[in-house]
Amino acid sequence: DPIWPENSLRMFLELKKHKVPAELHVYSTGGHGF
């Protein structure tokens, strides 16, 4: 995805820090808006 997955990772880590349940999947392909 041209929108870097780091944005999702940062959000996931913030949720974890605040003990908010979350699940993150980063797929090898799919592009943007799959």
PDB file of all heavy atoms in Angstrom:
ATOM      1  N   ASP A   1       0.859  -1.184   0.000  1.00  0.00           N
ATOM      2  CA  ASP A   1       0.000   0.000   0.000  1.00  0.00           C
ATOM      3  C   ASP A   1       0.900   1.241   0.000  1.00  0.00           C
ATOM      4  O   ASP A   1       1.879   1.284   0.749  1.00  0.00           O
ATOM      5  CB  ASP A   1      -0.859  -0.013   1.270  1.00  0.00           C
ATOM      6  CG  ASP A   1      -1.929   1.063   1.304  1.00  0.00           C
ATOM      7  OD1 ASP A   1      -1.735   2.133   0.697  1.00  0.00           O
ATOM      8  OD2 ASP A   1      -2.949   0.837   1.967  1.00  0.00           O
ATOM      9  N   PRO A   2       0.610   2.246  -0.838  1.00  0.00           N
ATOM     10  CA  PRO A   2       1.437   3.447  -0.809  1.00  0.00           C
ATOM     11  C   PRO A   2       1.325   4.204   0.525  1.00  0.00           C
ATOM     12  O   PRO A   2       2.195   5.002   0.857  1.00  0.00           O
ATOM     13  CB  PRO A   2       0.922   4.301  -1.969  1.00  0.00           C
ATOM     14  CG  PRO A   2      -0.376   3.713  -2.380  1.00  0.00           C
ATOM     15  CD  PRO A   2      -0.402   2.300  -1.891  1.00  0.00           C
ATOM     16  N   ILE A   3       0.247   3.962   1.283  1.00  0.00           N
ATOM     17  CA  ILE A   3       0.154   4.480   2.643  1.00  0.00           C
ATOM     18  C   ILE A   3       0.890   3.468   3.507  1.00  0.00           C
ATOM     19  O   ILE A   3       0.474   2.331   3.650  1.00  0.00           O
ATOM     20  CB  ILE A   3      -1.311   4.616   3.115  1.00  0.00           C
ATOM     21  CG1 ILE A   3      -2.152   5.412   2.124  1.00  0.00           C
ATOM     22  CG2 ILE A   3      -1.370   5.201   4.512  1.00  0.00           C
ATOM     23  CD1 ILE A   3      -1.671   6.825   1.878  1.00  0.00           C
ATOM     24  N   TRP A   4       1.987   3.868   4.067  1.00  0.00           N
ATOM     25  CA  TRP A   4       2.879   2.941   4.752  1.00  0.00           C
ATOM     26  C   TRP A   4       2.194   2.196   5.887  1.00  0.00           C
ATOM     27  O   TRP A   4       1.435   2.778   6.669  1.00  0.00           O
ATOM     28  CB  TRP A   4       4.079   3.683   5.287  1.00  0.00           C
ATOM     29  CG  TRP A   4       5.015   4.162   4.224  1.00  0.00           C
ATOM     30  CD1 TRP A   4       4.755   4.281   2.891  1.00  0.00           C
ATOM     31  CD2 TRP A   4       6.337   4.596   4.409  1.00  0.00           C
ATOM     32  NE1 TRP A   4       5.838   4.756   2.240  1.00  0.00           N
ATOM     33  CE2 TRP A   4       6.842   4.971   3.152  1.00  0.00           C
ATOM     34  CE3 TRP A   4       7.161   4.716   5.510  1.00  0.00           C
ATOM     35  CZ2 TRP A   4       8.129   5.436   2.971  1.00  0.00           C
ATOM     36  CZ3 TRP A   4       8.440   5.190   5.338  1.00  0.00           C
ATOM     37  CH2 TRP A   4       8.922   5.537   4.070  1.00  0.00           C
ATOM     38  N   PRO A   5       2.472   0.901   6.023  1.00  0.00           N
ATOM     39  CA  PRO A   5       1.892   0.132   7.119  1.00  0.00           C
ATOM     40  C   PRO A   5       2.369   0.605   8.494  1.00  0.00           C
ATOM     41  O   PRO A   5       1.780   0.275   9.506  1.00  0.00           O
ATOM     42  CB  PRO A   5       2.313  -1.311   6.844  1.00  0.00           C
ATOM     43  CG  PRO A   5       3.332  -1.271   5.778  1.00  0.00           C
ATOM     44  CD  PRO A   5       3.257   0.068   5.114  1.00  0.00           C
ATOM     45  N   GLU A   6       3.418   1.412   8.521  1.00  0.00           N
ATOM     46  CA  GLU A   6       3.906   1.937   9.796  1.00  0.00           C
ATOM     47  C   GLU A   6       2.821   2.738  10.527  1.00  0.00           C
ATOM     48  O   GLU A   6       2.792   2.784  11.750  1.00  0.00           O
ATOM     49  CB  GLU A   6       5.147   2.830   9.595  1.00  0.00           C
ATOM     50  CG  GLU A   6       6.403   2.060   9.277  1.00  0.00           C
ATOM     51  CD  GLU A   6       6.601   1.780   7.793  1.00  0.00           C
ATOM     52  OE1 GLU A   6       5.610   1.763   7.013  1.00  0.00           O
ATOM     53  OE2 GLU A   6       7.752   1.558   7.401  1.00  0.00           O
ATOM     54  N   ASN A   7       1.930   3.377   9.765  1.00  0.00           N
ATOM     55  CA  ASN A   7       0.845   4.127  10.402  1.00  0.00           C
ATOM     56  C   ASN A   7      -0.053   3.196  11.211  1.00  0.00           C
ATOM     57  O   ASN A   7      -0.421   3.512  12.350  1.00  0.00           O
ATOM     58  CB  ASN A   7       0.022   4.876   9.351  1.00  0.00           C
ATOM     59  CG  ASN A   7       0.836   5.919   8.626  1.00  0.00           C
ATOM     60  OD1 ASN A   7       1.722   6.541   9.196  1.00  0.00           O
ATOM     61  ND2 ASN A   7       0.544   6.119   7.359  1.00  0.00           N
ATOM     62  N   SER A   8      -0.394   2.058  10.632  1.00  0.00           N
ATOM     63  CA  SER A   8      -1.210   1.082  11.349  1.00  0.00           C
ATOM     64  C   SER A   8      -0.446   0.510  12.530  1.00  0.00           C
ATOM     65  O   SER A   8      -1.021   0.295  13.608  1.00  0.00           O
ATOM     66  CB  SER A   8      -1.637  -0.045  10.412  1.00  0.00           C
ATOM     67  OG  SER A   8      -2.505   0.447   9.423  1.00  0.00           O
ATOM     68  N   LEU A   9       0.835   0.275  12.353  1.00  0.00           N
ATOM     69  CA  LEU A   9       1.655  -0.261  13.443  1.00  0.00           C
ATOM     70  C   LEU A   9       1.725   0.726  14.610  1.00  0.00           C
ATOM     71  O   LEU A   9       1.582   0.344  15.773  1.00  0.00           O
ATOM     72  CB  LEU A   9       3.055  -0.607  12.943  1.00  0.00           C
ATOM     73  CG  LEU A   9       4.023  -1.164  13.976  1.00  0.00           C
ATOM     74  CD1 LEU A   9       3.464  -2.410  14.647  1.00  0.00           C
ATOM     75  CD2 LEU A   9       5.368  -1.447  13.341  1.00  0.00           C
ATOM     76  N   ARG A  10       1.917   1.990  14.302  1.00  0.00           N
ATOM     77  CA  ARG A  10       1.968   3.004  15.373  1.00  0.00           C
ATOM     78  C   ARG A  10       0.645   3.043  16.148  1.00  0.00           C
ATOM     79  O   ARG A  10       0.640   3.124  17.375  1.00  0.00           O
ATOM     80  CB  ARG A  10       2.275   4.376  14.790  1.00  0.00           C
ATOM     81  CG  ARG A  10       3.715   4.548  14.407  1.00  0.00           C
ATOM     82  CD  ARG A  10       4.014   5.990  14.001  1.00  0.00           C
ATOM     83  NE  ARG A  10       5.295   6.048  13.349  1.00  0.00           N
ATOM     84  CZ  ARG A  10       5.472   6.268  12.056  1.00  0.00           C
ATOM     85  NH1 ARG A  10       4.439   6.502  11.262  1.00  0.00           N
ATOM     86  NH2 ARG A  10       6.683   6.288  11.538  1.00  0.00           N
ATOM     87  N   MET A  11      -0.457   3.011  15.429  1.00  0.00           N
ATOM     88  CA  MET A  11      -1.756   3.025  16.083  1.00  0.00           C
ATOM     89  C   MET A  11      -1.936   1.781  16.937  1.00  0.00           C
ATOM     90  O   MET A  11      -2.395   1.850  18.077  1.00  0.00           O
ATOM     91  CB  MET A  11      -2.865   3.126  15.030  1.00  0.00           C
ATOM     92  CG  MET A  11      -4.250   3.119  15.586  1.00  0.00           C
ATOM     93  SD  MET A  11      -4.593   4.629  16.494  1.00  0.00           S
ATOM     94  CE  MET A  11      -6.322   4.374  16.851  1.00  0.00           C
ATOM     95  N   PHE A  12      -1.557   0.622  16.406  1.00  0.00           N
ATOM     96  CA  PHE A  12      -1.640  -0.628  17.144  1.00  0.00           C
ATOM     97  C   PHE A  12      -0.844  -0.547  18.442  1.00  0.00           C
ATOM     98  O   PHE A  12      -1.321  -0.940  19.513  1.00  0.00           O
ATOM     99  CB  PHE A  12      -1.131  -1.774  16.261  1.00  0.00           C
ATOM    100  CG  PHE A  12      -1.082  -3.101  16.950  1.00  0.00           C
ATOM    101  CD1 PHE A  12      -2.221  -3.888  17.044  1.00  0.00           C
ATOM    102  CD2 PHE A  12       0.097  -3.570  17.496  1.00  0.00           C
ATOM    103  CE1 PHE A  12      -2.172  -5.121  17.678  1.00  0.00           C
ATOM    104  CE2 PHE A  12       0.150  -4.792  18.134  1.00  0.00           C
ATOM    105  CZ  PHE A  12      -0.990  -5.573  18.226  1.00  0.00           C
ATOM    106  N   LEU A  13       0.375  -0.006  18.372  1.00  0.00           N
ATOM    107  CA  LEU A  13       1.223   0.107  19.562  1.00  0.00           C
ATOM    108  C   LEU A  13       0.637   1.071  20.594  1.00  0.00           C
ATOM    109  O   LEU A  13       0.739   0.829  21.799  1.00  0.00           O
ATOM    110  CB  LEU A  13       2.636   0.530  19.164  1.00  0.00           C
ATOM    111  CG  LEU A  13       3.416  -0.518  18.360  1.00  0.00           C
ATOM    112  CD1 LEU A  13       4.736   0.065  17.869  1.00  0.00           C
ATOM    113  CD2 LEU A  13       3.638  -1.785  19.182  1.00  0.00           C
ATOM    114  N   GLU A  14       0.018   2.137  20.122  1.00  0.00           N
ATOM    115  CA  GLU A  14      -0.640   3.068  21.053  1.00  0.00           C
ATOM    116  C   GLU A  14      -1.824   2.391  21.743  1.00  0.00           C
ATOM    117  O   GLU A  14      -2.038   2.572  22.946  1.00  0.00           O
ATOM    118  CB  GLU A  14      -1.094   4.341  20.346  1.00  0.00           C
ATOM    119  CG  GLU A  14       0.041   5.306  20.055  1.00  0.00           C
ATOM    120  CD  GLU A  14       0.740   5.796  21.324  1.00  0.00           C
ATOM    121  OE1 GLU A  14       0.051   6.249  22.266  1.00  0.00           O
ATOM    122  OE2 GLU A  14       1.973   5.735  21.366  1.00  0.00           O
ATOM    123  N   LEU A  15      -2.585   1.623  20.994  1.00  0.00           N
ATOM    124  CA  LEU A  15      -3.697   0.894  21.582  1.00  0.00           C
ATOM    125  C   LEU A  15      -3.193  -0.087  22.637  1.00  0.00           C
ATOM    126  O   LEU A  15      -3.758  -0.194  23.733  1.00  0.00           O
ATOM    127  CB  LEU A  15      -4.499   0.163  20.507  1.00  0.00           C
ATOM    128  CG  LEU A  15      -5.296   1.051  19.560  1.00  0.00           C
ATOM    129  CD1 LEU A  15      -5.802   0.239  18.374  1.00  0.00           C
ATOM    130  CD2 LEU A  15      -6.450   1.723  20.271  1.00  0.00           C
ATOM    131  N   LYS A  16      -2.110  -0.779  22.316  1.00  0.00           N
ATOM    132  CA  LYS A  16      -1.521  -1.728  23.272  1.00  0.00           C
ATOM    133  C   LYS A  16      -1.066  -1.012  24.534  1.00  0.00           C
ATOM    134  O   LYS A  16      -1.306  -1.482  25.645  1.00  0.00           O
ATOM    135  CB  LYS A  16      -0.358  -2.478  22.622  1.00  0.00           C
ATOM    136  CG  LYS A  16       0.275  -3.522  23.537  1.00  0.00           C
ATOM    137  CD  LYS A  16       1.280  -4.351  22.790  1.00  0.00           C
ATOM    138  CE  LYS A  16       2.028  -5.319  23.676  1.00  0.00           C
ATOM    139  NZ  LYS A  16       1.213  -6.281  24.374  1.00  0.00           N
ATOM    140  N   LYS A  17      -0.436   0.135  24.364  1.00  0.00           N
ATOM    141  CA  LYS A  17       0.044   0.912  25.513  1.00  0.00           C
ATOM    142  C   LYS A  17      -1.111   1.283  26.448  1.00  0.00           C
ATOM    143  O   LYS A  17      -0.950   1.330  27.656  1.00  0.00           O
ATOM    144  CB  LYS A  17       0.756   2.171  25.016  1.00  0.00           C
ATOM    145  CG  LYS A  17       1.352   3.006  26.129  1.00  0.00           C
ATOM    146  CD  LYS A  17       2.340   4.052  25.651  1.00  0.00           C
ATOM    147  CE  LYS A  17       1.764   5.039  24.709  1.00  0.00           C
ATOM    148  NZ  LYS A  17       2.685   6.160  24.409  1.00  0.00           N
ATOM    149  N   HIS A  18      -2.272   1.513  25.868  1.00  0.00           N
ATOM    150  CA  HIS A  18      -3.442   1.910  26.656  1.00  0.00           C
ATOM    151  C   HIS A  18      -4.374   0.725  26.955  1.00  0.00           C
ATOM    152  O   HIS A  18      -5.523   0.919  27.347  1.00  0.00           O
ATOM    153  CB  HIS A  18      -4.199   3.021  25.930  1.00  0.00           C
ATOM    154  CG  HIS A  18      -3.408   4.286  25.864  1.00  0.00           C
ATOM    155  ND1 HIS A  18      -3.281   5.144  26.932  1.00  0.00           N
ATOM    156  CD2 HIS A  18      -2.652   4.817  24.874  1.00  0.00           C
ATOM    157  CE1 HIS A  18      -2.508   6.157  26.600  1.00  0.00           C
ATOM    158  NE2 HIS A  18      -2.109   5.973  25.349  1.00  0.00           N
ATOM    159  N   LYS A  19      -3.835  -0.495  26.723  1.00  0.00           N
ATOM    160  CA  LYS A  19      -4.555  -1.737  27.025  1.00  0.00           C
ATOM    161  C   LYS A  19      -5.891  -1.871  26.283  1.00  0.00           C
ATOM    162  O   LYS A  19      -6.867  -2.400  26.809  1.00  0.00           O
ATOM    163  CB  LYS A  19      -4.749  -1.884  28.532  1.00  0.00           C
ATOM    164  CG  LYS A  19      -3.421  -1.919  29.294  1.00  0.00           C
ATOM    165  CD  LYS A  19      -3.639  -2.180  30.760  1.00  0.00           C
ATOM    166  CE  LYS A  19      -2.424  -2.106  31.614  1.00  0.00           C
ATOM    167  NZ  LYS A  19      -1.157  -2.373  31.173  1.00  0.00           N
ATOM    168  N   VAL A  20      -5.907  -1.372  25.053  1.00  0.00           N
ATOM    169  CA  VAL A  20      -7.089  -1.520  24.193  1.00  0.00           C
ATOM    170  C   VAL A  20      -6.853  -2.747  23.308  1.00  0.00           C
ATOM    171  O   VAL A  20      -5.854  -2.809  22.590  1.00  0.00           O
ATOM    172  CB  VAL A  20      -7.313  -0.261  23.323  1.00  0.00           C
ATOM    173  CG1 VAL A  20      -8.464  -0.469  22.358  1.00  0.00           C
ATOM    174  CG2 VAL A  20      -7.527   0.964  24.197  1.00  0.00           C
ATOM    175  N   PRO A  21      -7.747  -3.727  23.341  1.00  0.00           N
ATOM    176  CA  PRO A  21      -7.560  -4.926  22.519  1.00  0.00           C
ATOM    177  C   PRO A  21      -7.496  -4.574  21.026  1.00  0.00           C
ATOM    178  O   PRO A  21      -8.293  -3.776  20.539  1.00  0.00           O
ATOM    179  CB  PRO A  21      -8.809  -5.765  22.814  1.00  0.00           C
ATOM    180  CG  PRO A  21      -9.340  -5.243  24.109  1.00  0.00           C
ATOM    181  CD  PRO A  21      -8.971  -3.796  24.148  1.00  0.00           C
ATOM    182  N   ALA A  22      -6.533  -5.184  20.347  1.00  0.00           N
ATOM    183  CA  ALA A  22      -6.364  -4.914  18.913  1.00  0.00           C
ATOM    184  C   ALA A  22      -5.695  -6.102  18.245  1.00  0.00           C
ATOM    185  O   ALA A  22      -5.010  -6.888  18.892  1.00  0.00           O
ATOM    186  CB  ALA A  22      -5.532  -3.653  18.704  1.00  0.00           C
ATOM    187  N   GLU A  23      -5.927  -6.197  16.934  1.00  0.00           N
ATOM    188  CA  GLU A  23      -5.275  -7.227  16.126  1.00  0.00           C
ATOM    189  C   GLU A  23      -4.824  -6.561  14.833  1.00  0.00           C
ATOM    190  O   GLU A  23      -5.582  -5.794  14.237  1.00  0.00           O
ATOM    191  CB  GLU A  23      -6.241  -8.376  15.853  1.00  0.00           C
ATOM    192  CG  GLU A  23      -5.582  -9.528  15.126  1.00  0.00           C
ATOM    193  CD  GLU A  23      -6.365 -10.827  15.284  1.00  0.00           C
ATOM    194  OE1 GLU A  23      -6.756 -11.151  16.426  1.00  0.00           O
ATOM    195  OE2 GLU A  23      -6.585 -11.491  14.274  1.00  0.00           O
ATOM    196  N   LEU A  24      -3.599  -6.863  14.411  1.00  0.00           N
ATOM    197  CA  LEU A  24      -3.008  -6.243  13.222  1.00  0.00           C
ATOM    198  C   LEU A  24      -2.545  -7.317  12.251  1.00  0.00           C
ATOM    199  O   LEU A  24      -1.812  -8.229  12.632  1.00  0.00           O
ATOM    200  CB  LEU A  24      -1.817  -5.366  13.629  1.00  0.00           C
ATOM    201  CG  LEU A  24      -0.936  -4.817  12.517  1.00  0.00           C
ATOM    202  CD1 LEU A  24      -1.704  -3.846  11.636  1.00  0.00           C
ATOM    203  CD2 LEU A  24       0.289  -4.140  13.106  1.00  0.00           C
ATOM    204  N   HIS A  25      -2.981  -7.198  10.992  1.00  0.00           N
ATOM    205  CA  HIS A  25      -2.545  -8.098   9.928  1.00  0.00           C
ATOM    206  C   HIS A  25      -1.940  -7.240   8.818  1.00  0.00           C
ATOM    207  O   HIS A  25      -2.585  -6.311   8.329  1.00  0.00           O
ATOM    208  CB  HIS A  25      -3.733  -8.883   9.353  1.00  0.00           C
ATOM    209  CG  HIS A  25      -4.339  -9.813  10.349  1.00  0.00           C
ATOM    210  ND1 HIS A  25      -4.051 -11.154  10.384  1.00  0.00           N
ATOM    211  CD2 HIS A  25      -5.206  -9.593  11.366  1.00  0.00           C
ATOM    212  CE1 HIS A  25      -4.724 -11.722  11.376  1.00  0.00           C
ATOM    213  NE2 HIS A  25      -5.431 -10.779  11.987  1.00  0.00           N
ATOM    214  N   VAL A  26      -0.720  -7.569   8.435  1.00  0.00           N
ATOM    215  CA  VAL A  26      -0.084  -6.896   7.302  1.00  0.00           C
ATOM    216  C   VAL A  26       0.157  -7.967   6.244  1.00  0.00           C
ATOM    217  O   VAL A  26       0.935  -8.897   6.450  1.00  0.00           O
ATOM    218  CB  VAL A  26       1.242  -6.199   7.702  1.00  0.00           C
ATOM    219  CG1 VAL A  26       1.875  -5.537   6.486  1.00  0.00           C
ATOM    220  CG2 VAL A  26       1.005  -5.175   8.810  1.00  0.00           C
ATOM    221  N   TYR A  27      -0.547  -7.822   5.133  1.00  0.00           N
ATOM    222  CA  TYR A  27      -0.449  -8.778   4.031  1.00  0.00           C
ATOM    223  C   TYR A  27       0.608  -8.323   3.029  1.00  0.00           C
ATOM    224  O   TYR A  27       0.822  -7.130   2.843  1.00  0.00           O
ATOM    225  CB  TYR A  27      -1.807  -8.915   3.340  1.00  0.00           C
ATOM    226  CG  TYR A  27      -2.857  -9.471   4.269  1.00  0.00           C
ATOM    227  CD1 TYR A  27      -3.715  -8.634   4.972  1.00  0.00           C
ATOM    228  CD2 TYR A  27      -2.968 -10.841   4.452  1.00  0.00           C
ATOM    229  CE1 TYR A  27      -4.667  -9.147   5.842  1.00  0.00           C
ATOM    230  CE2 TYR A  27      -3.924 -11.371   5.320  1.00  0.00           C
ATOM    231  CZ  TYR A  27      -4.760 -10.519   6.010  1.00  0.00           C
ATOM    232  OH  TYR A  27      -5.693 -11.030   6.869  1.00  0.00           O
ATOM    233  N   SER A  28       1.240  -9.267   2.375  1.00  0.00           N
ATOM    234  CA  SER A  28       2.330  -8.939   1.451  1.00  0.00           C
ATOM    235  C   SER A  28       1.868  -8.102   0.263  1.00  0.00           C
ATOM    236  O   SER A  28       2.593  -7.226  -0.201  1.00  0.00           O
ATOM    237  CB  SER A  28       3.015 -10.213   0.955  1.00  0.00           C
ATOM    238  OG  SER A  28       2.082 -11.048   0.301  1.00  0.00           O
ATOM    239  N   THR A  29       0.671  -8.364  -0.222  1.00  0.00           N
ATOM    240  CA  THR A  29       0.146  -7.616  -1.358  1.00  0.00           C
ATOM    241  C   THR A  29      -1.326  -7.287  -1.130  1.00  0.00           C
ATOM    242  O   THR A  29      -1.968  -7.861  -0.250  1.00  0.00           O
ATOM    243  CB  THR A  29       0.270  -8.402  -2.673  1.00  0.00           C
ATOM    244  OG1 THR A  29      -0.453  -9.623  -2.548  1.00  0.00           O
ATOM    245  CG2 THR A  29       1.721  -8.680  -3.037  1.00  0.00           C
ATOM    246  N   GLY A  30      -1.831  -6.399  -1.935  1.00  0.00           N
ATOM    247  CA  GLY A  30      -3.225  -5.999  -1.842  1.00  0.00           C
ATOM    248  C   GLY A  30      -3.403  -4.556  -2.260  1.00  0.00           C
ATOM    249  O   GLY A  30      -4.481  -4.133  -2.640  1.00  0.00           O
ATOM    250  N   GLY A  31      -2.308  -3.788  -2.167  1.00  0.00           N
ATOM    251  CA  GLY A  31      -2.375  -2.387  -2.555  1.00  0.00           C
ATOM    252  C   GLY A  31      -3.233  -1.579  -1.604  1.00  0.00           C
ATOM    253  O   GLY A  31      -3.452  -1.955  -0.466  1.00  0.00           O
ATOM    254  N   HIS A  32      -3.751  -0.455  -2.100  1.00  0.00           N
ATOM    255  CA  HIS A  32      -4.577   0.424  -1.275  1.00  0.00           C
ATOM    256  C   HIS A  32      -6.054   0.185  -1.577  1.00  0.00           C
ATOM    257  O   HIS A  32      -6.447   0.083  -2.728  1.00  0.00           O
ATOM    258  CB  HIS A  32      -4.227   1.890  -1.553  1.00  0.00           C
ATOM    259  CG  HIS A  32      -4.953   2.830  -0.653  1.00  0.00           C
ATOM    260  ND1 HIS A  32      -4.617   2.972   0.667  1.00  0.00           N
ATOM    261  CD2 HIS A  32      -5.997   3.649  -0.870  1.00  0.00           C
ATOM    262  CE1 HIS A  32      -5.423   3.857   1.221  1.00  0.00           C
ATOM    263  NE2 HIS A  32      -6.280   4.281   0.312  1.00  0.00           N
ATOM    264  N   GLY A  33      -6.856   0.071  -0.544  1.00  0.00           N
ATOM    265  CA  GLY A  33      -8.289  -0.085  -0.725  1.00  0.00           C
ATOM    266  C   GLY A  33      -8.686  -1.429  -1.289  1.00  0.00           C
ATOM    267  O   GLY A  33      -9.577  -1.510  -2.130  1.00  0.00           O
ATOM    268  N   PHE A  34      -8.062  -2.503  -0.826  1.00  0.00           N
ATOM    269  CA  PHE A  34      -8.378  -3.818  -1.380  1.00  0.00           C
ATOM    270  C   PHE A  34      -9.771  -4.289  -0.992  1.00  0.00           C
ATOM    271  O   PHE A  34     -10.358  -5.112  -1.679  1.00  0.00           O
ATOM    272  CB  PHE A  34      -7.332  -4.874  -1.018  1.00  0.00           C
ATOM    273  CG  PHE A  34      -6.966  -4.942   0.430  1.00  0.00           C
ATOM    274  CD1 PHE A  34      -7.733  -5.632   1.335  1.00  0.00           C
ATOM    275  CD2 PHE A  34      -5.819  -4.299   0.882  1.00  0.00           C
ATOM    276  CE1 PHE A  34      -7.380  -5.706   2.670  1.00  0.00           C
ATOM    277  CE2 PHE A  34      -5.445  -4.366   2.210  1.00  0.00           C
ATOM    278  CZ  PHE A  34      -6.230  -5.068   3.105  1.00  0.00           C
TER     279      PHE A  34
END
